[in-house]
C-alpha atoms as a PDB file:
ATOM      1  CA  MET A   1       0.119  -0.393  -0.096  1.00  0.00           C
ATOM      2  CA  ARG A   2       2.658   2.358   1.011  1.00  0.00           C
ATOM      3  CA  VAL A   3       4.550   1.640  -2.337  1.00  0.00           C
ATOM      4  CA  TYR A   4       1.402   2.238  -4.245  1.00  0.00           C
ATOM      5  CA  LEU A   5       0.930   5.659  -2.951  1.00  0.00           C
ATOM      6  CA  VAL A   6       4.421   6.664  -3.257  1.00  0.00           C
ATOM      7  CA  VAL A   7       4.219   5.512  -7.114  1.00  0.00           C
ATOM      8  CA  ILE A   8       0.820   7.371  -7.286  1.00  0.00           C
ATOM      9  CA  LYS A   9       2.242  10.603  -5.604  1.00  0.00           C
ATOM     10  CA  HIS A  10       5.164  10.392  -8.017  1.00  0.00           C
ATOM     11  CA  ALA A  11       2.571  10.450 -11.066  1.00  0.00           C
ATOM     12  CA  LEU A  12       0.224  13.007 -10.217  1.00  0.00           C
ATOM     13  CA  ASP A  13       3.426  15.056  -9.561  1.00  0.00           C
ATOM     14  CA  MET A  14       4.745  14.667 -12.735  1.00  0.00           C
ATOM     15  CA  PHE A  15       0.934  15.774 -14.006  1.00  0.00           C
ATOM     16  CA  ILE A  16       0.359  18.822 -12.048  1.00  0.00           C
ATOM     17  CA  ARG A  17       3.887  19.820 -12.524  1.00  0.00           C
ATOM     18  CA  ARG A  18       2.751  20.563 -15.930  1.00  0.00           C
ATOM     19  CA  ARG A  19       1.765  24.009 -17.360  1.00  0.00           C
ATOM     20  CA  LYS A  20      -1.012  23.190 -18.864  1.00  0.00           C
ATOM     21  CA  ILE A  21      -2.759  20.048 -17.456  1.00  0.00           C
ATOM     22  CA  LYS A  22      -4.923  17.927 -20.445  1.00  0.00           C
ATOM     23  CA  PRO A  23      -8.008  17.304 -19.603  1.00  0.00           C
ATOM     24  CA  LYS A  24      -7.444  13.581 -19.717  1.00  0.00           C
ATOM     25  CA  HIS A  25      -5.312  13.921 -17.040  1.00  0.00           C
ATOM     26  CA  VAL A  26      -7.656  16.308 -14.964  1.00  0.00           C
ATOM     27  CA  ARG A  27     -10.167  13.653 -15.373  1.00  0.00           C
ATOM     28  CA  ALA A  28      -8.053  10.540 -14.233  1.00  0.00           C
ATOM     29  CA  VAL A  29      -6.823  12.604 -11.157  1.00  0.00           C
ATOM     30  CA  ASN A  30     -10.290  13.513 -10.260  1.00  0.00           C
ATOM     31  CA  LYS A  31     -11.296   9.569 -10.792  1.00  0.00           C
ATOM     32  CA  LEU A  32      -8.264   8.677  -8.743  1.00  0.00           C
ATOM     33  CA  MET A  33      -8.661  11.361  -6.277  1.00  0.00           C
ATOM     34  CA  ILE A  34     -12.702  10.353  -5.696  1.00  0.00           C
ATOM     35  CA  SER A  35     -11.640   6.587  -5.369  1.00  0.00           C
ATOM     36  CA  PHE A  36      -9.091   7.694  -2.488  1.00  0.00           C
ATOM     37  CA  GLU A  37     -11.995   9.516  -0.913  1.00  0.00           C
ATOM     38  CA  GLY A  38     -14.274   7.012  -1.090  1.00  0.00           C
ATOM     39  CA  ASP A  39     -11.872   4.670   0.441  1.00  0.00           C
ATOM     40  CA  LEU A  40     -10.957   6.980   3.182  1.00  0.00           C
ATOM     41  CA  ILE A  41     -14.708   7.609   3.987  1.00  0.00           C
ATOM     42  CA  ARG A  42     -15.232   4.343   4.321  1.00  0.00           C
ATOM     43  CA  ASP A  43     -12.373   3.713   6.605  1.00  0.00           C
ATOM     44  CA  GLN A  44     -13.507   6.274   8.857  1.00  0.00           C
ATOM     45  CA  ARG A  45     -10.537   8.053   8.737  1.00  0.00           C
ATOM     46  CA  LEU A  46     -12.254  10.802   6.841  1.00  0.00           C
ATOM     47  CA  LEU A  47     -15.569  12.376   7.164  1.00  0.00           C
ATOM     48  CA  LYS A  48     -18.407  13.651   4.736  1.00  0.00           C
ATOM     49  CA  ASN A  49     -17.434  17.384   5.587  1.00  0.00           C
ATOM     50  CA  TYR A  50     -13.993  16.660   4.869  1.00  0.00           C
ATOM     51  CA  MET A  51     -12.717  17.047   8.575  1.00  0.00           C
ATOM     52  CA  LYS A  52     -10.345  14.156  10.008  1.00  0.00           C
ATOM     53  CA  GLY A  53     -12.508  10.864  10.861  1.00  0.00           C
ATOM     54  CA  PRO A  54     -12.924   9.570  14.166  1.00  0.00           C
ATOM     55  CA  ARG A  55      -9.908   6.483  13.265  1.00  0.00           C
ATOM     56  CA  PRO A  56      -6.320   7.504  13.157  1.00  0.00           C
ATOM     57  CA  SER A  57      -4.495   7.082  10.293  1.00  0.00           C
ATOM     58  CA  VAL A  58      -1.284   4.870  10.590  1.00  0.00           C
ATOM     59  CA  PRO A  59       0.480   4.988   7.474  1.00  0.00           C
ATOM     60  CA  LYS A  60       1.940   8.849   6.589  1.00  0.00           C
ATOM     61  CA  GLN A  61       0.706   8.841   3.407  1.00  0.00           C
ATOM     62  CA  VAL A  62      -2.773   8.002   4.233  1.00  0.00           C
ATOM     63  CA  ASN A  63      -2.245  11.164   6.804  1.00  0.00           C
ATOM     64  CA  GLN A  64      -1.084  13.131   4.247  1.00  0.00           C
ATOM     65  CA  ILE A  65      -4.258  12.186   1.958  1.00  0.00           C
ATOM     66  CA  VAL A  66      -6.590  12.992   4.867  1.00  0.00           C
ATOM     67  CA  ASP A  67      -4.779  16.308   5.352  1.00  0.00           C
ATOM     68  CA  ALA A  68      -4.893  17.609   1.855  1.00  0.00           C
ATOM     69  CA  PHE A  69      -8.447  16.852   1.772  1.00  0.00           C
ATOM     70  CA  VAL A  70      -9.163  18.732   4.863  1.00  0.00           C
ATOM     71  CA  GLN A  71      -6.540  21.517   3.870  1.00  0.00           C
ATOM     72  CA  VAL A  72      -8.774  22.317   0.664  1.00  0.00           C
ATOM     73  CA  ARG A  73     -11.931  21.329   2.112  1.00  0.00           C
ATOM     74  CA  HIS A  74     -13.577  24.893   1.444  1.00  0.00           C
ATOM     75  CA  LEU A  75     -13.245  24.757  -2.013  1.00  0.00           C
ATOM     76  CA  LYS A  76     -15.680  21.682  -2.174  1.00  0.00           C
ATOM     77  CA  GLU A  77     -18.540  23.354  -4.588  1.00  0.00           C
ATOM     78  CA  GLU A  78     -15.581  24.051  -7.118  1.00  0.00           C
ATOM     79  CA  ASP A  79     -15.072  22.632  -9.932  1.00  0.00           C
ATOM     80  CA  ASP A  80     -11.528  21.472  -9.760  1.00  0.00           C
ATOM     81  CA  PHE A  81     -11.729  20.745  -6.102  1.00  0.00           C
ATOM     82  CA  TYR A  82     -10.572  17.112  -6.575  1.00  0.00           C
ATOM     83  CA  LEU A  83      -7.234  18.722  -8.498  1.00  0.00           C
ATOM     84  CA  GLU A  84      -6.586  21.182  -6.072  1.00  0.00           C
ATOM     85  CA  VAL A  85      -6.851  18.069  -3.231  1.00  0.00           C
ATOM     86  CA  ALA A  86      -3.833  16.434  -5.698  1.00  0.00           C
ATOM     87  CA  LYS A  87      -1.941  19.560  -5.587  1.00  0.00           C
ATOM     88  CA  ALA A  88      -2.119  19.807  -1.926  1.00  0.00           C
ATOM     89  CA  TRP A  89      -1.296  16.438  -1.179  1.00  0.00           C
ATOM     90  CA  VAL A  90       1.682  16.922  -3.878  1.00  0.00           C
ATOM     91  CA  LYS A  91       3.071  20.100  -2.544  1.00  0.00           C
ATOM     92  CA  ASP A  92       6.277  19.414  -0.576  1.00  0.00           C
ATOM     93  CA  ARG A  93       7.623  16.820  -3.194  1.00  0.00           C
ATOM     94  CA  ALA A  94       9.686  19.631  -4.775  1.00  0.00           C
ATOM     95  CA  LYS A  95      11.883  20.245  -1.519  1.00  0.00           C
ATOM     96  CA  ILE A  96      13.138  16.928  -1.576  1.00  0.00           C
ATOM     97  CA  PRO A  97      15.398  16.468  -4.751  1.00  0.00           C
ATOM     98  CA  HIS A  98      16.767  20.076  -3.572  1.00  0.00           C
ATOM     99  CA  LEU A  99      17.684  18.609  -0.516  1.00  0.00           C
ATOM    100  CA  VAL A 100      19.504  15.453  -1.715  1.00  0.00           C
ATOM    101  CA  SER A 101      21.365  17.743  -4.042  1.00  0.00           C
ATOM    102  CA  LEU A 102      22.278  20.107  -1.166  1.00  0.00           C
ATOM    103  CA  ALA A 103      23.243  17.119   0.945  1.00  0.00           C
ATOM    104  CA  SER A 104      25.313  15.164  -2.271  1.00  0.00           C
ATOM    105  CA  TYR A 105      27.349  18.710  -2.450  1.00  0.00           C
ATOM    106  CA  ILE A 106      27.882  19.582   1.136  1.00  0.00           C
ATOM    107  CA  SER A 107      29.024  15.474   1.519  1.00  0.00           C
ATOM    108  CA  PHE A 108      31.418  15.560  -1.397  1.00  0.00           C
ATOM    109  CA  LEU A 109      33.137  19.365   0.248  1.00  0.00           C
ATOM    110  CA  THR A 110      33.598  17.495   3.378  1.00  0.00           C
ATOM    111  CA  LEU A 111      34.854  14.429   2.018  1.00  0.00           C
ATOM    112  CA  TRP A 112      37.592  16.753  -0.288  1.00  0.00           C
ATOM    113  CA  LEU A 113      38.503  18.201   2.823  1.00  0.00           C
ATOM    114  CA  GLY A 114      39.009  15.065   4.898  1.00  0.00           C
ATOM    115  CA  LEU A 115      41.038  13.578   2.137  1.00  0.00           C
ATOM    116  CA  LEU A 116      43.059  17.023   2.162  1.00  0.00           C
ATOM    117  CA  LEU A 117      43.333  16.408   5.910  1.00  0.00           C
ATOM    118  CA  ILE A 118      44.793  13.083   5.630  1.00  0.00           C
ATOM    119  CA  MET A 119      46.808  13.679   2.626  1.00  0.00           C
ATOM    120  CA  TYR A 120      48.499  16.295   4.677  1.00  0.00           C
ATOM    121  CA  PHE A 121      49.698  14.063   7.821  1.00  0.00           C
ATOM    122  CA  ALA A 122      49.341  10.619   5.614  1.00  0.00           C
ATOM    123  CA  GLU A 123      51.563  10.497   2.660  1.00  0.00           C
ATOM    124  CA  ARG A 124      48.900   8.061   0.762  1.00  0.00           C
ATOM    125  CA  VAL A 125      45.975   6.499   1.299  1.00  0.00           C
ATOM    126  CA  SER A 126      45.208   2.805   1.002  1.00  0.00           C
ATOM    127  CA  GLY A 127      42.654   0.206   1.899  1.00  0.00           C
ATOM    128  CA  VAL A 128      39.008   1.143   2.820  1.00  0.00           C
ATOM    129  CA  PRO A 129      39.386   4.711   2.953  1.00  0.00           C
ATOM    130  CA  PHE A 130      40.979   4.741  -0.569  1.00  0.00           C
ATOM    131  CA  PHE A 131      37.966   3.237  -1.469  1.00  0.00           C
ATOM    132  CA  LEU A 132      35.243   5.202   0.350  1.00  0.00           C
ATOM    133  CA  PHE A 133      36.858   8.256  -1.265  1.00  0.00           C
ATOM    134  CA  LEU A 134      37.198   6.765  -4.610  1.00  0.00           C
ATOM    135  CA  PHE A 135      33.326   5.759  -3.995  1.00  0.00           C
ATOM    136  CA  GLY A 136      32.566   8.902  -2.806  1.00  0.00           C
ATOM    137  CA  PHE A 137      34.535  11.292  -5.691  1.00  0.00           C
ATOM    138  CA  ILE A 138      33.009   9.422  -7.785  1.00  0.00           C
ATOM    139  CA  PHE A 139      29.281   8.944  -7.275  1.00  0.00           C
ATOM    140  CA  LEU A 140      28.197  11.615  -4.821  1.00  0.00           C
ATOM    141  CA  PRO A 141      28.400  14.294  -7.933  1.00  0.00           C
ATOM    142  CA  ILE A 142      26.566  12.614 -10.017  1.00  0.00           C
ATOM    143  CA  ILE A 143      23.852  11.689  -7.556  1.00  0.00           C
ATOM    144  CA  GLY A 144      23.843  15.413  -6.552  1.00  0.00           C
ATOM    145  CA  LEU A 145      23.229  16.583 -10.516  1.00  0.00           C
ATOM    146  CA  LEU A 146      20.611  13.871 -11.176  1.00  0.00           C
ATOM    147  CA  SER A 147      18.813  14.925  -7.933  1.00  0.00           C
ATOM    148  CA  ALA A 148      18.831  18.930  -8.872  1.00  0.00           C
ATOM    149  CA  LEU A 149      17.980  18.166 -12.522  1.00  0.00           C
ATOM    150  CA  LEU A 150      14.604  16.845 -10.958  1.00  0.00           C
ATOM    151  CA  GLY A 151      13.580  20.007  -9.199  1.00  0.00           C
ATOM    152  CA  ARG A 152      11.838  22.872 -10.208  1.00  0.00           C
ATOM    153  CA  GLY A 153      12.538  26.540  -9.737  1.00  0.00           C
ATOM    154  CA  TRP A 154      15.667  28.773  -9.812  1.00  0.00           C
ATOM    155  CA  ARG A 155      17.306  26.522  -6.914  1.00  0.00           C
ATOM    156  CA  LYS A 156      17.642  23.747  -9.541  1.00  0.00           C
ATOM    157  CA  ALA A 157      20.230  25.745 -12.294  1.00  0.00           C
ATOM    158  CA  ILE A 158      22.267  26.436  -9.227  1.00  0.00           C
ATOM    159  CA  LEU A 159      22.300  23.066  -7.521  1.00  0.00           C
ATOM    160  CA  ALA A 160      22.945  21.653 -10.984  1.00  0.00           C
ATOM    161  CA  ILE A 161      25.946  24.355 -11.295  1.00  0.00           C
ATOM    162  CA  LEU A 162      27.308  23.216  -8.002  1.00  0.00           C
ATOM    163  CA  ASN A 163      27.473  19.852  -8.479  1.00  0.00           C
ATOM    164  CA  LEU A 164      28.435  19.837 -12.337  1.00  0.00           C
ATOM    165  CA  SER A 165      31.333  22.001 -10.189  1.00  0.00           C
ATOM    166  CA  ASN A 166      31.701  18.674  -8.354  1.00  0.00           C
ATOM    167  CA  ILE A 167      32.516  16.820 -11.484  1.00  0.00           C
ATOM    168  CA  VAL A 168      35.238  18.653 -12.658  1.00  0.00           C
ATOM    169  CA  ILE A 169      36.763  18.628  -9.254  1.00  0.00           C
ATOM    170  CA  SER A 170      36.376  14.986  -8.601  1.00  0.00           C
ATOM    171  CA  GLY A 171      37.720  14.317 -12.041  1.00  0.00           C
ATOM    172  CA  MET A 172      40.608  16.771 -11.751  1.00  0.00           C
ATOM    173  CA  ILE A 173      41.297  14.569  -8.590  1.00  0.00           C
ATOM    174  CA  LEU A 174      41.410  11.293  -9.987  1.00  0.00           C
ATOM    175  CA  ILE A 175      43.437  12.021 -12.603  1.00  0.00           C
ATOM    176  CA  GLN A 176      46.688  12.965 -10.817  1.00  0.00           C
END
């Protein structure tokens, strides 16, 4: 169930992220959110007036759907009510790629400074630390760049440039 909701949330984010949503996608989103609404009301996790139900939601994803219905309940008379519920449900997904990219950038810089400190006190690095540094220098910038490209807005460009610079730096370090 949890994996299903994560996949559905990602697909909804892909549909909603577009500037102009196609009518067939709006119908699909409406149909999906109506089925979620029916399931939540039947399981008593959501009341018919879009308030939280008497039965608490245990999975985080289900709780997020209930919160989305509660958050936009004032729009229940609108034609695009279910689309607004879907938008409220997926609104925080845009932050995750930015955080992953920033963490990758900071981890790379920390790894690089660690390598500089180790090289200052020791002549060479070998064994397990060598493979950890090698793994970090190869994969951290790539993970950071890919996650930056999944983000939105002006942060996407800045994080992509920072992680591209990390790729160049790691290439220079590995060539030495």
